[in-house]
N, C-alpha and C. Protein backbone atom coordinates (compact mmCIF):
# COMPACT_ATOMS: atom_id res chain seq x y z
N UNK A 1 1.17 23.64 1.94
CA UNK A 1 -0.17 22.70 1.39
C UNK A 1 -0.52 22.04 2.50
N UNK A 2 -1.77 22.10 2.77
CA UNK A 2 -2.44 21.42 3.77
C UNK A 2 -2.44 19.68 3.67
N UNK A 3 -2.62 19.06 4.70
CA UNK A 3 -2.83 17.62 4.35
C UNK A 3 -4.27 17.28 3.45
N UNK A 4 -4.43 16.45 2.69
CA UNK A 4 -5.37 16.17 1.97
C UNK A 4 -6.30 14.89 2.44
N UNK A 5 -7.43 15.05 2.74
CA UNK A 5 -8.28 13.84 3.25
C UNK A 5 -8.64 13.02 1.80
N UNK A 6 -8.29 12.03 1.74
CA UNK A 6 -8.48 11.37 0.70
C UNK A 6 -10.09 10.70 0.99
N UNK A 7 -10.80 10.02 -0.14
CA UNK A 7 -12.20 9.45 -0.03
C UNK A 7 -11.96 8.32 0.24
N UNK A 8 -12.69 7.45 1.00
CA UNK A 8 -12.48 6.19 1.54
C UNK A 8 -12.61 5.24 0.36
N UNK A 9 -13.14 5.43 -0.91
CA UNK A 9 -13.26 4.45 -1.87
C UNK A 9 -11.93 4.58 -2.83
N UNK A 10 -10.93 5.57 -2.25
CA UNK A 10 -9.71 5.51 -3.08
C UNK A 10 -8.65 4.76 -2.72
N UNK A 11 -8.64 4.48 -1.57
CA UNK A 11 -8.03 3.19 -0.85
C UNK A 11 -8.67 2.39 -0.05
N UNK A 12 -8.42 1.33 0.04
CA UNK A 12 -9.38 0.65 1.01
C UNK A 12 -8.51 -0.41 2.04
N UNK A 13 -8.49 -0.05 3.12
CA UNK A 13 -7.80 -1.03 4.08
C UNK A 13 -8.99 -1.87 4.72
N UNK A 14 -8.97 -3.27 4.43
CA UNK A 14 -9.65 -3.93 5.18
C UNK A 14 -9.45 -4.15 6.89
N UNK A 15 -10.60 -4.64 7.35
CA UNK A 15 -10.61 -4.69 8.93
C UNK A 15 -9.48 -5.73 9.27
N UNK A 16 -9.28 -6.82 8.38
CA UNK A 16 -8.01 -7.61 8.88
C UNK A 16 -6.65 -6.81 8.61
N UNK A 17 -6.51 -6.07 7.59
CA UNK A 17 -5.37 -5.39 7.72
C UNK A 17 -5.29 -4.25 8.66
N UNK A 18 -6.23 -3.67 8.96
CA UNK A 18 -6.24 -2.55 9.90
C UNK A 18 -5.65 -3.26 11.64
N UNK A 19 -6.37 -4.59 11.82
CA UNK A 19 -6.11 -5.09 12.95
C UNK A 19 -4.51 -5.67 12.77
N UNK A 20 -4.04 -5.62 11.84
CA UNK A 20 -2.78 -6.40 11.85
C UNK A 20 -1.63 -5.22 12.11
N UNK A 21 -1.86 -3.97 11.30
CA UNK A 21 -1.36 -2.50 11.79
C UNK A 21 -1.61 -2.38 13.09
N UNK A 22 -2.82 -2.59 13.59
CA UNK A 22 -2.77 -2.21 15.10
C UNK A 22 -2.06 -2.86 16.01
N UNK A 23 -2.06 -4.28 15.78
CA UNK A 23 -1.04 -5.34 16.59
C UNK A 23 0.44 -4.70 16.26
N UNK A 24 1.14 -4.45 15.20
CA UNK A 24 2.26 -4.12 14.91
C UNK A 24 2.55 -2.57 16.06
N UNK A 25 1.55 -1.90 15.58
CA UNK A 25 1.72 -0.49 16.58
C UNK A 25 1.86 -0.69 17.87
N UNK A 26 0.87 -1.60 18.46
CA UNK A 26 0.85 -1.95 19.81
C UNK A 26 2.06 -2.74 20.16
N UNK A 27 2.57 -3.70 19.56
CA UNK A 27 3.61 -4.47 19.91
C UNK A 27 4.98 -3.48 19.81
N UNK A 28 4.98 -2.63 19.09
CA UNK A 28 6.33 -1.56 19.07
C UNK A 28 6.07 -0.28 20.15
N UNK A 29 4.92 -0.18 20.73
CA UNK A 29 4.38 1.05 21.29
C UNK A 29 4.63 2.16 20.83
N UNK A 30 3.97 2.19 19.50
CA UNK A 30 4.07 3.51 18.82
C UNK A 30 2.78 4.20 18.59
N UNK A 31 2.58 5.32 19.53
CA UNK A 31 1.30 6.10 19.53
C UNK A 31 1.38 7.12 18.28
N UNK A 32 0.17 7.32 17.71
CA UNK A 32 -0.03 8.40 16.71
C UNK A 32 0.75 8.06 15.62
N UNK A 33 0.91 6.80 15.22
CA UNK A 33 1.54 6.61 13.92
C UNK A 33 0.56 6.21 13.13
N UNK A 34 0.84 5.85 11.74
CA UNK A 34 0.14 5.63 10.69
C UNK A 34 0.61 4.60 9.63
N UNK A 35 0.07 3.99 8.74
CA UNK A 35 0.71 3.14 7.83
C UNK A 35 0.95 4.02 6.60
N UNK A 36 2.05 4.24 6.21
CA UNK A 36 2.55 4.72 4.77
C UNK A 36 2.61 3.81 3.70
N UNK A 37 1.78 3.97 2.91
CA UNK A 37 1.98 3.04 1.71
C UNK A 37 2.32 3.73 0.32
N UNK A 38 3.55 3.04 -0.18
CA UNK A 38 3.93 3.91 -1.14
C UNK A 38 4.55 2.93 -2.33
N UNK A 39 4.67 3.29 -3.80
CA UNK A 39 5.61 2.59 -4.62
C UNK A 39 6.88 3.44 -4.92
N UNK A 40 7.55 2.23 -5.03
CA UNK A 40 9.11 2.88 -5.62
C UNK A 40 9.21 2.08 -6.90
N UNK A 41 10.16 2.61 -7.83
CA UNK A 41 10.88 1.84 -8.92
C UNK A 41 11.74 0.56 -8.69
N UNK A 42 11.52 -0.36 -9.56
CA UNK A 42 12.23 -1.57 -9.05
C UNK A 42 11.32 -2.72 -9.12
N UNK A 43 11.66 -3.82 -8.54
CA UNK A 43 10.89 -5.02 -8.49
C UNK A 43 11.01 -5.92 -9.87
N UNK A 44 10.50 -7.04 -9.74
CA UNK A 44 10.20 -7.92 -10.90
C UNK A 44 9.54 -7.37 -12.20
N UNK A 45 8.50 -6.36 -11.82
CA UNK A 45 7.51 -5.83 -13.00
C UNK A 45 7.70 -4.49 -13.01
N UNK A 46 8.42 -3.69 -12.54
CA UNK A 46 8.58 -2.35 -12.80
C UNK A 46 8.28 -1.40 -11.55
N UNK A 47 7.39 -1.75 -10.75
CA UNK A 47 7.17 -0.97 -9.26
C UNK A 47 7.09 -1.90 -8.55
N UNK A 48 7.43 -1.41 -7.09
CA UNK A 48 6.99 -2.35 -6.22
C UNK A 48 6.58 -1.77 -4.86
N UNK A 49 5.88 -2.38 -4.12
CA UNK A 49 5.06 -1.68 -3.06
C UNK A 49 6.09 -1.57 -1.69
N UNK A 50 5.49 -0.50 -0.89
CA UNK A 50 6.15 -0.48 0.20
C UNK A 50 5.06 -0.22 1.42
N UNK A 51 5.64 -0.27 2.47
CA UNK A 51 4.83 -0.07 3.77
C UNK A 51 5.96 0.33 4.68
N UNK A 52 5.38 1.30 5.67
CA UNK A 52 6.21 1.87 6.65
C UNK A 52 5.29 2.43 7.82
N UNK A 53 5.55 2.28 9.08
CA UNK A 53 4.87 3.04 10.10
C UNK A 53 5.53 4.26 10.33
N UNK A 54 4.68 5.43 10.40
CA UNK A 54 5.38 6.56 10.40
C UNK A 54 4.13 7.60 11.07
N UNK A 55 4.97 8.45 11.83
CA UNK A 55 4.47 9.50 12.71
C UNK A 55 3.76 10.95 12.26
N UNK A 56 4.83 11.24 11.39
CA UNK A 56 4.52 12.69 10.82
C UNK A 56 4.36 12.50 9.18
N UNK A 57 3.04 12.70 8.74
CA UNK A 57 2.76 12.91 7.32
C UNK A 57 3.43 14.16 7.09
N UNK A 58 3.71 14.24 5.54
CA UNK A 58 4.20 15.25 4.88
C UNK A 58 3.03 16.17 4.43
N UNK A 59 3.42 17.44 4.48
CA UNK A 59 2.31 18.42 3.89
C UNK A 59 1.51 17.98 2.59
N UNK A 60 2.24 17.38 1.76
CA UNK A 60 1.44 17.07 0.41
C UNK A 60 0.82 15.48 0.58
N UNK A 61 1.20 15.03 1.57
CA UNK A 61 0.33 13.55 1.79
C UNK A 61 -0.98 13.55 1.56
N UNK A 62 -1.79 12.43 1.17
CA UNK A 62 -3.02 12.03 1.34
C UNK A 62 -3.26 11.05 2.32
N UNK A 63 -4.34 11.46 3.17
CA UNK A 63 -4.50 10.52 4.48
C UNK A 63 -5.96 10.38 4.50
N UNK A 64 -6.24 9.04 5.01
CA UNK A 64 -7.26 8.52 5.15
C UNK A 64 -7.48 7.64 6.67
N UNK A 65 -8.52 7.37 7.31
CA UNK A 65 -8.25 6.59 8.60
C UNK A 65 -9.64 5.68 8.17
N UNK A 66 -9.11 4.53 8.36
CA UNK A 66 -10.17 3.19 8.24
C UNK A 66 -9.84 2.45 9.70
N UNK A 67 -11.20 2.06 10.12
CA UNK A 67 -10.89 1.04 10.93
C UNK A 67 -10.03 1.55 12.13
N UNK A 68 -9.82 2.67 12.63
CA UNK A 68 -8.89 3.26 13.46
C UNK A 68 -7.43 3.53 13.06
N UNK A 69 -7.16 3.23 11.52
CA UNK A 69 -5.71 3.15 11.18
C UNK A 69 -5.83 4.22 10.28
N UNK A 70 -4.56 5.28 10.42
CA UNK A 70 -4.28 6.28 9.55
C UNK A 70 -3.80 5.68 8.32
N UNK A 71 -3.97 5.91 7.33
CA UNK A 71 -3.09 5.48 5.88
C UNK A 71 -2.73 6.68 5.17
N UNK A 72 -1.32 6.77 4.90
CA UNK A 72 -0.58 8.00 4.63
C UNK A 72 -0.28 7.63 2.94
N UNK A 73 -0.59 8.27 2.11
CA UNK A 73 0.06 8.32 0.76
C UNK A 73 0.72 9.43 0.22
N UNK A 74 1.83 9.17 -0.33
CA UNK A 74 2.52 10.60 -0.92
C UNK A 74 1.80 10.76 -2.18
N UNK A 75 1.95 12.13 -2.64
CA UNK A 75 1.15 12.43 -4.08
C UNK A 75 1.52 11.68 -5.25
N UNK A 76 2.81 11.16 -5.50
CA UNK A 76 3.12 10.42 -6.74
C UNK A 76 2.57 9.15 -6.77
N UNK A 77 2.81 8.47 -5.33
CA UNK A 77 2.01 7.04 -5.21
C UNK A 77 0.93 6.96 -5.28
N UNK A 78 -0.05 7.91 -5.09
CA UNK A 78 -1.39 8.09 -4.97
C UNK A 78 -1.81 8.07 -6.52
N UNK A 79 -0.83 8.08 -7.39
CA UNK A 79 -1.40 7.98 -8.64
C UNK A 79 -1.25 6.61 -9.11
N UNK A 80 -0.67 5.72 -8.56
CA UNK A 80 -0.54 4.37 -9.03
C UNK A 80 -1.52 3.28 -7.91
N UNK A 81 -1.84 4.04 -6.65
CA UNK A 81 -2.68 3.50 -5.82
C UNK A 81 -3.98 3.69 -5.65
N UNK A 82 -4.48 4.54 -6.10
CA UNK A 82 -6.01 5.00 -6.27
C UNK A 82 -6.70 3.57 -6.61
N UNK A 83 -7.74 3.46 -5.98
CA UNK A 83 -8.45 2.18 -5.83
C UNK A 83 -8.21 1.18 -5.38
N UNK A 84 -7.02 0.71 -4.88
CA UNK A 84 -6.44 -0.47 -4.28
C UNK A 84 -7.11 -0.70 -2.84
N UNK A 85 -7.07 -2.00 -2.89
CA UNK A 85 -7.50 -2.75 -1.42
C UNK A 85 -6.29 -3.34 -0.97
N UNK A 86 -6.05 -2.98 0.31
CA UNK A 86 -4.96 -3.59 1.16
C UNK A 86 -5.73 -4.27 2.17
N UNK A 87 -5.29 -5.56 2.14
CA UNK A 87 -5.63 -6.78 3.03
C UNK A 87 -4.60 -7.33 3.53
N UNK A 88 -4.90 -8.47 4.72
CA UNK A 88 -4.04 -8.86 5.56
C UNK A 88 -4.38 -10.06 5.56
N UNK A 89 -3.60 -11.40 4.88
CA UNK A 89 -4.15 -12.61 4.88
C UNK A 89 -3.10 -13.73 5.51
N UNK A 90 -3.79 -14.78 5.97
CA UNK A 90 -3.10 -15.98 6.73
C UNK A 90 -3.48 -17.11 5.93
N UNK A 91 -2.48 -17.85 5.58
CA UNK A 91 -2.89 -18.97 4.77
C UNK A 91 -1.69 -19.89 4.87
N UNK A 92 -1.59 -21.25 4.45
CA UNK A 92 -0.69 -22.26 4.63
C UNK A 92 0.61 -21.64 4.00
N UNK A 93 0.74 -20.87 3.08
CA UNK A 93 2.00 -20.25 2.55
C UNK A 93 2.68 -19.19 3.40
N UNK A 94 2.01 -18.80 4.50
CA UNK A 94 2.23 -17.59 5.09
C UNK A 94 1.29 -16.44 5.20
N UNK A 95 1.71 -15.50 6.01
CA UNK A 95 0.85 -14.26 6.20
C UNK A 95 1.47 -13.01 5.56
N UNK A 96 0.93 -12.01 5.62
CA UNK A 96 1.20 -10.94 5.01
C UNK A 96 0.28 -9.87 4.39
N UNK A 97 0.55 -8.99 3.90
CA UNK A 97 -0.19 -7.89 3.48
C UNK A 97 -0.42 -8.08 2.08
N UNK A 98 -1.68 -7.91 1.48
CA UNK A 98 -1.81 -8.11 -0.22
C UNK A 98 -2.54 -7.17 -0.81
N UNK A 99 -1.93 -6.43 -1.62
CA UNK A 99 -2.56 -5.30 -2.10
C UNK A 99 -3.45 -5.80 -3.62
N UNK A 100 -4.54 -5.44 -3.80
CA UNK A 100 -5.18 -5.69 -4.97
C UNK A 100 -5.18 -4.46 -5.49
N UNK A 101 -4.58 -4.16 -6.83
CA UNK A 101 -4.40 -3.02 -7.74
C UNK A 101 -5.15 -3.07 -9.01
N UNK A 102 -6.21 -2.14 -9.04
CA UNK A 102 -6.95 -2.27 -10.50
C UNK A 102 -5.97 -1.53 -11.46
N UNK A 103 -5.06 -0.91 -10.87
CA UNK A 103 -4.21 -0.11 -11.93
C UNK A 103 -3.25 -0.89 -12.42
N UNK A 104 -2.98 -1.85 -12.16
CA UNK A 104 -1.85 -2.86 -12.47
C UNK A 104 -2.26 -3.74 -13.77
N UNK A 105 -1.31 -3.79 -14.75
CA UNK A 105 -1.71 -4.72 -15.95
C UNK A 105 -1.05 -5.80 -15.66
N UNK A 106 -0.22 -6.17 -14.93
CA UNK A 106 0.40 -7.41 -14.58
C UNK A 106 1.15 -7.11 -13.37
N UNK A 107 1.31 -8.33 -12.81
CA UNK A 107 1.95 -8.28 -11.31
C UNK A 107 3.02 -9.39 -11.33
N UNK A 108 3.90 -9.41 -10.38
CA UNK A 108 5.03 -10.39 -10.29
C UNK A 108 4.24 -11.60 -9.29
N UNK A 109 4.92 -12.58 -9.52
CA UNK A 109 4.17 -13.86 -8.91
C UNK A 109 4.17 -13.89 -7.31
N UNK A 110 5.27 -12.87 -6.68
CA UNK A 110 5.41 -12.79 -5.63
C UNK A 110 4.44 -11.73 -4.83
N UNK A 111 3.73 -11.09 -5.72
CA UNK A 111 2.77 -10.03 -5.26
C UNK A 111 3.36 -8.66 -4.91
N UNK A 112 4.55 -8.41 -4.83
CA UNK A 112 5.15 -7.31 -4.13
C UNK A 112 5.47 -6.26 -5.32
N UNK A 113 5.36 -6.65 -6.73
CA UNK A 113 5.61 -5.84 -7.77
C UNK A 113 4.62 -5.79 -8.81
N UNK A 114 4.44 -4.81 -9.55
CA UNK A 114 3.38 -4.76 -10.61
C UNK A 114 3.86 -3.82 -11.53
N UNK A 115 3.10 -3.70 -12.85
CA UNK A 115 3.31 -2.59 -13.76
C UNK A 115 2.07 -2.28 -14.46
N UNK A 116 1.89 -0.96 -14.89
CA UNK A 116 0.99 -0.55 -15.45
C UNK A 116 1.10 -0.16 -16.99
N UNK A 117 0.04 0.17 -17.45
CA UNK A 117 0.20 0.39 -19.10
C UNK A 117 1.47 1.12 -19.70
N UNK A 118 1.77 2.14 -18.65
CA UNK A 118 2.93 2.92 -19.26
C UNK A 118 4.19 2.50 -18.87
N UNK A 119 4.39 1.27 -18.13
CA UNK A 119 5.60 0.67 -17.92
C UNK A 119 5.66 -0.85 -17.98
N UNK A 120 4.62 -1.52 -18.84
CA UNK A 120 4.46 -2.80 -18.82
C UNK A 120 5.57 -3.42 -19.67
N UNK A 121 6.37 -4.76 -19.03
CA UNK A 121 7.60 -4.99 -19.85
C UNK A 121 7.06 -5.42 -21.10
N UNK A 122 7.60 -5.60 -22.26
CA UNK A 122 7.35 -6.39 -23.51
C UNK A 122 7.26 -7.82 -23.36
N UNK A 123 7.83 -8.38 -22.45
CA UNK A 123 7.59 -9.91 -22.38
C UNK A 123 6.97 -10.34 -21.11
N UNK A 124 6.29 -9.34 -20.48
CA UNK A 124 5.50 -9.56 -19.29
C UNK A 124 6.45 -9.52 -18.05
N UNK A 125 6.03 -9.49 -17.06
CA UNK A 125 6.72 -9.14 -15.80
C UNK A 125 6.71 -10.69 -14.83
N UNK A 126 7.74 -10.80 -14.21
CA UNK A 126 7.85 -12.35 -13.38
C UNK A 126 9.13 -12.22 -12.43
N UNK A 127 8.85 -13.22 -11.38
CA UNK A 127 10.03 -13.06 -10.41
C UNK A 127 11.28 -13.99 -11.29
N UNK A 128 12.40 -13.38 -10.91
CA UNK A 128 13.58 -14.00 -11.33
C UNK A 128 14.20 -14.86 -10.48
């Protein structure tokens, strides 16, 4: 299966997030790498977000490029990440990536996990 180009409106990487990724790539001297964004089971609310710098996308991955950064998403994660906006924020509480996910019905206070209609906990999710 060939790599699938995704439309820019399916996943949005803000310019601030793209600049943060470019800085990480430059500091690590990683050429031809992209940002893999994925979900995995676990976290306080059911699923948790993950990110990694990666050079070799898999044949079934979805790929888009925004602000000069390649964003790579596997086909399973794409079901949960369709429509997300990935931002990089710096404030008095610290700095880091923030994902705004329209598919999430609830999210953990830490912002690293979420639940959807299909896995929403009965009492709501939250950090323990």
